[in-house]
Structures are given as structure tokens and as C-alpha cells.
N, C-alpha and C. Protein backbone atom coordinates (compact mmCIF):
# COMPACT_ATOMS: atom_id res chain seq x y z
N UNK A 1 95.14 92.01 83.91
CA UNK A 1 96.14 92.55 84.75
C UNK A 1 95.77 93.92 85.00
N UNK A 2 96.00 94.44 86.26
CA UNK A 2 95.57 95.82 86.55
C UNK A 2 96.88 96.69 86.57
N UNK A 3 96.90 97.69 85.72
CA UNK A 3 97.95 98.64 85.67
C UNK A 3 97.74 99.94 86.25
N UNK A 4 96.72 100.06 87.17
CA UNK A 4 96.48 101.19 87.73
C UNK A 4 97.70 101.59 88.53
N UNK A 5 97.83 102.99 88.56
CA UNK A 5 99.08 103.55 89.40
C UNK A 5 98.34 104.55 90.46
N UNK A 6 98.83 104.29 91.73
CA UNK A 6 98.37 105.16 92.78
C UNK A 6 99.48 105.86 93.52
N UNK A 7 99.17 106.94 93.94
CA UNK A 7 100.23 107.89 94.58
C UNK A 7 100.00 107.52 96.17
N UNK A 8 101.09 107.63 96.95
CA UNK A 8 100.97 107.32 98.47
C UNK A 8 101.78 108.40 99.13
N UNK A 9 101.28 109.16 100.06
CA UNK A 9 101.95 110.09 100.92
C UNK A 9 101.72 109.72 102.30
N UNK A 10 102.94 109.59 103.03
CA UNK A 10 102.82 109.43 104.57
C UNK A 10 103.76 110.32 105.26
N UNK A 11 103.15 110.93 106.43
CA UNK A 11 103.99 111.90 107.24
C UNK A 11 103.99 111.15 108.54
N UNK A 12 104.99 111.54 109.44
CA UNK A 12 104.93 110.83 110.70
C UNK A 12 104.20 111.54 111.75
N UNK A 13 103.92 112.80 111.66
CA UNK A 13 103.23 113.60 112.70
C UNK A 13 102.13 114.41 111.97
N UNK A 14 101.27 114.89 112.75
CA UNK A 14 100.09 115.72 112.29
C UNK A 14 100.63 116.98 111.93
N UNK A 15 101.79 117.41 112.43
CA UNK A 15 102.23 118.92 112.26
C UNK A 15 103.15 118.89 110.91
N UNK A 16 103.53 117.75 110.54
CA UNK A 16 104.26 117.73 109.14
C UNK A 16 103.23 117.93 107.97
N UNK A 17 103.78 118.70 106.91
CA UNK A 17 103.08 118.98 105.72
C UNK A 17 103.17 118.14 104.74
N UNK A 18 102.15 117.85 104.08
CA UNK A 18 102.05 116.79 102.89
C UNK A 18 102.25 117.54 101.55
N UNK A 19 102.55 118.94 101.66
CA UNK A 19 102.35 119.68 100.48
C UNK A 19 103.61 119.32 99.40
N UNK A 20 104.68 119.21 99.82
CA UNK A 20 105.84 118.89 99.05
C UNK A 20 105.73 117.46 98.18
N UNK A 21 105.22 116.52 98.98
CA UNK A 21 104.87 115.31 98.24
C UNK A 21 103.85 115.33 97.56
N UNK A 22 102.76 116.02 97.75
CA UNK A 22 101.64 116.15 96.89
C UNK A 22 101.98 116.82 95.54
N UNK A 23 102.78 117.98 95.65
CA UNK A 23 103.15 118.57 94.49
C UNK A 23 103.91 117.66 93.43
N UNK A 24 104.88 116.85 94.10
CA UNK A 24 105.64 116.04 93.39
C UNK A 24 104.80 114.83 92.61
N UNK A 25 103.79 114.27 93.19
CA UNK A 25 102.90 113.44 92.61
C UNK A 25 102.04 114.04 91.46
N UNK A 26 101.44 115.36 91.78
CA UNK A 26 100.64 116.04 90.69
C UNK A 26 101.59 116.41 89.50
N UNK A 27 102.85 116.83 89.89
CA UNK A 27 103.70 116.98 88.73
C UNK A 27 104.16 115.87 87.94
N UNK A 28 104.05 114.65 88.50
CA UNK A 28 104.34 113.34 87.87
C UNK A 28 103.05 112.96 86.98
N UNK A 29 101.99 113.75 87.06
CA UNK A 29 100.75 113.42 86.41
C UNK A 29 99.74 112.66 87.04
N UNK A 30 99.96 112.52 88.46
CA UNK A 30 98.86 111.66 89.19
C UNK A 30 97.50 112.63 89.42
N UNK A 31 96.41 111.86 89.43
CA UNK A 31 95.10 112.52 89.54
C UNK A 31 94.87 112.48 91.20
N UNK A 32 94.47 113.52 91.64
CA UNK A 32 94.22 113.58 93.04
C UNK A 32 93.42 112.52 93.68
N UNK A 33 92.38 111.99 92.86
CA UNK A 33 91.53 110.88 93.46
C UNK A 33 92.33 109.62 93.60
N UNK A 34 93.54 109.45 92.98
CA UNK A 34 94.35 108.30 93.10
C UNK A 34 95.53 108.42 94.05
N UNK A 35 95.46 109.39 94.97
CA UNK A 35 96.53 109.74 95.95
C UNK A 35 96.05 109.66 97.14
N UNK A 36 96.69 108.62 97.95
CA UNK A 36 96.06 108.34 99.35
C UNK A 36 97.24 108.88 100.35
N UNK A 37 96.68 109.22 101.51
CA UNK A 37 97.40 109.85 102.64
C UNK A 37 97.39 109.22 103.89
N UNK A 38 98.50 108.96 104.51
CA UNK A 38 98.52 108.55 105.97
C UNK A 38 99.34 109.45 106.77
N UNK A 39 98.75 109.86 107.83
CA UNK A 39 99.35 110.73 108.90
C UNK A 39 99.45 109.98 110.24
N UNK A 40 100.65 109.30 110.36
CA UNK A 40 100.88 108.53 111.59
C UNK A 40 102.40 108.17 111.75
N UNK A 41 102.47 107.66 112.87
CA UNK A 41 104.00 107.45 113.24
C UNK A 41 104.54 106.30 112.40
N UNK A 42 105.84 106.28 112.21
CA UNK A 42 106.49 105.29 111.42
C UNK A 42 106.52 103.91 112.13
N UNK A 43 106.39 103.99 113.44
CA UNK A 43 106.45 102.82 114.04
C UNK A 43 105.22 101.85 114.14
N UNK A 44 104.20 102.44 113.56
CA UNK A 44 102.98 101.66 113.25
C UNK A 44 102.92 101.32 111.87
N UNK A 45 102.92 99.88 111.64
CA UNK A 45 102.95 99.62 110.24
C UNK A 45 101.45 99.27 109.72
N UNK A 46 100.50 99.56 110.42
CA UNK A 46 99.19 99.38 109.96
C UNK A 46 98.71 100.78 109.39
N UNK A 47 98.78 100.94 108.07
CA UNK A 47 98.48 102.28 107.30
C UNK A 47 97.33 101.99 106.52
N UNK A 48 96.17 102.58 106.94
CA UNK A 48 94.95 102.42 106.26
C UNK A 48 94.98 102.79 104.71
N UNK A 49 95.52 104.20 104.47
CA UNK A 49 95.40 104.39 103.16
C UNK A 49 96.40 103.54 102.21
N UNK A 50 97.56 103.09 102.81
CA UNK A 50 98.50 102.33 102.06
C UNK A 50 97.71 101.01 101.78
N UNK A 51 97.01 100.44 102.59
CA UNK A 51 96.29 99.20 102.48
C UNK A 51 95.33 99.30 101.14
N UNK A 52 94.61 100.57 101.14
CA UNK A 52 93.72 100.68 100.15
C UNK A 52 94.35 100.52 98.70
N UNK A 53 95.58 100.92 98.62
CA UNK A 53 96.39 100.96 97.32
C UNK A 53 96.58 99.50 96.86
N UNK A 54 96.48 98.47 97.68
CA UNK A 54 96.94 97.02 97.30
C UNK A 54 95.85 96.50 96.50
């Protein structure tokens, strides 16, 4: 059984900032190499970084 934990950040537009979500994940003990980020609209359910977490 794989108990690996990943962090996932998504913002809807390129102008939005990931900083607040990143800080929360780092404060929770996540390693930056285990955090994946998608910057794309909420209408698109194909999210490459999220799929890498599966």
C-alpha cells in the first residue's frame, strides 16, 4: 500500500497567486518536490499536475 501524500495547488487564472496555498502546504510539512501545481480554468477538468498525483 502506498501511503505517499502529495500537495495540490490549482488557480483559475495565470494572474492568481499560488503563494497562500503554497505556504499552507509547507506549514503542514509538505516537501516542495511533492507539491503539484495547475494554473488553468475551472471549466477544464483535464489537469495534468493533478493526474500525476494519482
